[in-house]
Amino acid sequence: MQSVDVEGISRTVPVPLHGTVKKGTLKSIIRQSGLDQVLFMK
């Protein structure tokens, strides 16, 4: 997935194509997304 934020910074974040994602991989994806970790909690 790729997007450009309001500051014009392009971010590319991997999106795994399988059901289970390891904890470390998920943390890395969240960090790369630049979003708050709270948004990803159930």
PDB file of N, CA and C in Angstrom:
ATOM      1  N   MET A   1       0.846  -1.161   0.000  1.00  0.00           N
ATOM      2  CA  MET A   1       0.000   0.000   0.000  1.00  0.00           C
ATOM      3  C   MET A   1       0.892   1.225   0.000  1.00  0.00           C
ATOM      4  N   GLN A   2       0.522   2.224  -0.749  1.00  0.00           N
ATOM      5  CA  GLN A   2       1.300   3.446  -0.805  1.00  0.00           C
ATOM      6  C   GLN A   2       0.359   4.635  -0.721  1.00  0.00           C
ATOM      7  N   SER A   3       0.763   5.653   0.045  1.00  0.00           N
ATOM      8  CA  SER A   3      -0.029   6.871   0.147  1.00  0.00           C
ATOM      9  C   SER A   3       0.893   8.058   0.370  1.00  0.00           C
ATOM     10  N   VAL A   4       0.348   9.239   0.179  1.00  0.00           N
ATOM     11  CA  VAL A   4       1.084  10.476   0.410  1.00  0.00           C
ATOM     12  C   VAL A   4       0.333  11.234   1.497  1.00  0.00           C
ATOM     13  N   ASP A   5       1.057  11.620   2.569  1.00  0.00           N
ATOM     14  CA  ASP A   5       0.395  12.326   3.660  1.00  0.00           C
ATOM     15  C   ASP A   5       0.264  13.819   3.353  1.00  0.00           C
ATOM     16  N   VAL A   6      -0.326  14.568   4.278  1.00  0.00           N
ATOM     17  CA  VAL A   6      -0.599  15.989   4.067  1.00  0.00           C
ATOM     18  C   VAL A   6       0.672  16.819   3.887  1.00  0.00           C
ATOM     19  N   GLU A   7       1.805  16.301   4.351  1.00  0.00           N
ATOM     20  CA  GLU A   7       3.074  17.005   4.204  1.00  0.00           C
ATOM     21  C   GLU A   7       3.775  16.645   2.891  1.00  0.00           C
ATOM     22  N   GLY A   8       3.144  15.807   2.081  1.00  0.00           N
ATOM     23  CA  GLY A   8       3.715  15.412   0.805  1.00  0.00           C
ATOM     24  C   GLY A   8       4.699  14.264   0.891  1.00  0.00           C
ATOM     25  N   ILE A   9       4.761  13.602   2.061  1.00  0.00           N
ATOM     26  CA  ILE A   9       5.676  12.478   2.250  1.00  0.00           C
ATOM     27  C   ILE A   9       4.998  11.191   1.783  1.00  0.00           C
ATOM     28  N   SER A  10       5.669  10.468   0.895  1.00  0.00           N
ATOM     29  CA  SER A  10       5.150   9.202   0.392  1.00  0.00           C
ATOM     30  C   SER A  10       5.535   8.078   1.358  1.00  0.00           C
ATOM     31  N   ARG A  11       4.569   7.237   1.685  1.00  0.00           N
ATOM     32  CA  ARG A  11       4.809   6.087   2.555  1.00  0.00           C
ATOM     33  C   ARG A  11       4.379   4.822   1.824  1.00  0.00           C
ATOM     34  N   THR A  12       5.257   3.826   1.875  1.00  0.00           N
ATOM     35  CA  THR A  12       4.935   2.509   1.337  1.00  0.00           C
ATOM     36  C   THR A  12       4.932   1.534   2.498  1.00  0.00           C
ATOM     37  N   VAL A  13       3.802   0.866   2.701  1.00  0.00           N
ATOM     38  CA  VAL A  13       3.639  -0.061   3.813  1.00  0.00           C
ATOM     39  C   VAL A  13       3.266  -1.426   3.250  1.00  0.00           C
ATOM     40  N   PRO A  14       3.993  -2.484   3.666  1.00  0.00           N
ATOM     41  CA  PRO A  14       3.658  -3.822   3.172  1.00  0.00           C
ATOM     42  C   PRO A  14       2.316  -4.306   3.714  1.00  0.00           C
ATOM     43  N   VAL A  15       1.572  -4.996   2.880  1.00  0.00           N
ATOM     44  CA  VAL A  15       0.301  -5.587   3.292  1.00  0.00           C
ATOM     45  C   VAL A  15       0.380  -7.080   2.991  1.00  0.00           C
ATOM     46  N   PRO A  16       0.558  -7.913   4.032  1.00  0.00           N
ATOM     47  CA  PRO A  16       0.658  -9.361   3.817  1.00  0.00           C
ATOM     48  C   PRO A  16      -0.626  -9.933   3.215  1.00  0.00           C
ATOM     49  N   LEU A  17      -0.481 -10.905   2.330  1.00  0.00           N
ATOM     50  CA  LEU A  17      -1.641 -11.515   1.668  1.00  0.00           C
ATOM     51  C   LEU A  17      -1.985 -12.875   2.276  1.00  0.00           C
ATOM     52  N   HIS A  18      -1.862 -12.969   3.596  1.00  0.00           N
ATOM     53  CA  HIS A  18      -2.248 -14.196   4.279  1.00  0.00           C
ATOM     54  C   HIS A  18      -2.931 -13.829   5.590  1.00  0.00           C
ATOM     55  N   GLY A  19      -3.635 -14.770   6.193  1.00  0.00           N
ATOM     56  CA  GLY A  19      -4.472 -14.507   7.359  1.00  0.00           C
ATOM     57  C   GLY A  19      -3.746 -14.159   8.642  1.00  0.00           C
ATOM     58  N   THR A  20      -2.620 -14.808   8.927  1.00  0.00           N
ATOM     59  CA  THR A  20      -1.932 -14.610  10.192  1.00  0.00           C
ATOM     60  C   THR A  20      -0.668 -13.790   9.981  1.00  0.00           C
ATOM     61  N   VAL A  21      -0.516 -12.757  10.811  1.00  0.00           N
ATOM     62  CA  VAL A  21       0.672 -11.903  10.743  1.00  0.00           C
ATOM     63  C   VAL A  21       1.359 -11.972  12.099  1.00  0.00           C
ATOM     64  N   LYS A  22       2.668 -12.215  12.084  1.00  0.00           N
ATOM     65  CA  LYS A  22       3.418 -12.291  13.328  1.00  0.00           C
ATOM     66  C   LYS A  22       3.427 -10.934  14.017  1.00  0.00           C
ATOM     67  N   LYS A  23       3.539 -10.972  15.346  1.00  0.00           N
ATOM     68  CA  LYS A  23       3.486  -9.768  16.174  1.00  0.00           C
ATOM     69  C   LYS A  23       4.527  -8.725  15.736  1.00  0.00           C
ATOM     70  N   GLY A  24       5.753  -9.155  15.505  1.00  0.00           N
ATOM     71  CA  GLY A  24       6.812  -8.232  15.100  1.00  0.00           C
ATOM     72  C   GLY A  24       6.544  -7.601  13.745  1.00  0.00           C
ATOM     73  N   THR A  25       5.969  -8.399  12.825  1.00  0.00           N
ATOM     74  CA  THR A  25       5.630  -7.895  11.501  1.00  0.00           C
ATOM     75  C   THR A  25       4.541  -6.836  11.601  1.00  0.00           C
ATOM     76  N   LEU A  26       3.533  -7.106  12.428  1.00  0.00           N
ATOM     77  CA  LEU A  26       2.447  -6.149  12.620  1.00  0.00           C
ATOM     78  C   LEU A  26       2.968  -4.847  13.220  1.00  0.00           C
ATOM     79  N   LYS A  27       3.836  -4.945  14.218  1.00  0.00           N
ATOM     80  CA  LYS A  27       4.405  -3.738  14.828  1.00  0.00           C
ATOM     81  C   LYS A  27       5.176  -2.926  13.795  1.00  0.00           C
ATOM     82  N   SER A  28       5.913  -3.611  12.925  1.00  0.00           N
ATOM     83  CA  SER A  28       6.667  -2.935  11.880  1.00  0.00           C
ATOM     84  C   SER A  28       5.731  -2.226  10.900  1.00  0.00           C
ATOM     85  N   ILE A  29       4.658  -2.885  10.517  1.00  0.00           N
ATOM     86  CA  ILE A  29       3.685  -2.290   9.602  1.00  0.00           C
ATOM     87  C   ILE A  29       3.063  -1.052  10.233  1.00  0.00           C
ATOM     88  N   ILE A  30       2.689  -1.145  11.502  1.00  0.00           N
ATOM     89  CA  ILE A  30       2.095   0.000  12.203  1.00  0.00           C
ATOM     90  C   ILE A  30       3.087   1.156  12.255  1.00  0.00           C
ATOM     91  N   ARG A  31       4.334   0.866  12.588  1.00  0.00           N
ATOM     92  CA  ARG A  31       5.369   1.903  12.671  1.00  0.00           C
ATOM     93  C   ARG A  31       5.550   2.576  11.310  1.00  0.00           C
ATOM     94  N   GLN A  32       5.613   1.788  10.250  1.00  0.00           N
ATOM     95  CA  GLN A  32       5.804   2.326   8.907  1.00  0.00           C
ATOM     96  C   GLN A  32       4.602   3.138   8.433  1.00  0.00           C
ATOM     97  N   SER A  33       3.414   2.797   8.930  1.00  0.00           N
ATOM     98  CA  SER A  33       2.213   3.511   8.501  1.00  0.00           C
ATOM     99  C   SER A  33       2.161   4.927   9.044  1.00  0.00           C
ATOM    100  N   GLY A  34       2.851   5.173  10.165  1.00  0.00           N
ATOM    101  CA  GLY A  34       2.824   6.502  10.768  1.00  0.00           C
ATOM    102  C   GLY A  34       1.558   6.774  11.553  1.00  0.00           C
ATOM    103  N   LEU A  35       0.708   5.763  11.692  1.00  0.00           N
ATOM    104  CA  LEU A  35      -0.537   5.914  12.441  1.00  0.00           C
ATOM    105  C   LEU A  35      -0.341   5.520  13.893  1.00  0.00           C
ATOM    106  N   ASP A  36      -1.265   5.927  14.750  1.00  0.00           N
ATOM    107  CA  ASP A  36      -1.222   5.598  16.168  1.00  0.00           C
ATOM    108  C   ASP A  36      -1.556   4.118  16.364  1.00  0.00           C
ATOM    109  N   GLN A  37      -0.794   3.443  17.212  1.00  0.00           N
ATOM    110  CA  GLN A  37      -0.976   2.010  17.474  1.00  0.00           C
ATOM    111  C   GLN A  37      -2.381   1.709  17.997  1.00  0.00           C
ATOM    112  N   VAL A  38      -3.001   2.644  18.675  1.00  0.00           N
ATOM    113  CA  VAL A  38      -4.351   2.456  19.238  1.00  0.00           C
ATOM    114  C   VAL A  38      -5.358   2.148  18.144  1.00  0.00           C
ATOM    115  N   LEU A  39      -5.156   2.682  16.944  1.00  0.00           N
ATOM    116  CA  LEU A  39      -6.073   2.441  15.833  1.00  0.00           C
ATOM    117  C   LEU A  39      -6.111   0.981  15.404  1.00  0.00           C
ATOM    118  N   PHE A  40      -5.096   0.198  15.774  1.00  0.00           N
ATOM    119  CA  PHE A  40      -5.005  -1.187  15.343  1.00  0.00           C
ATOM    120  C   PHE A  40      -5.439  -2.175  16.422  1.00  0.00           C
ATOM    121  N   MET A  41      -5.858  -1.692  17.575  1.00  0.00           N
ATOM    122  CA  MET A  41      -6.265  -2.576  18.673  1.00  0.00           C
ATOM    123  C   MET A  41      -7.746  -2.899  18.563  1.00  0.00           C
ATOM    124  N   LYS A  42      -8.096  -4.113  18.949  1.00  0.00           N
ATOM    125  CA  LYS A  42      -9.506  -4.547  18.953  1.00  0.00           C
ATOM    126  C   LYS A  42     -10.215  -3.980  20.148  1.00  0.00           C
TER     127      LYS A  42
END
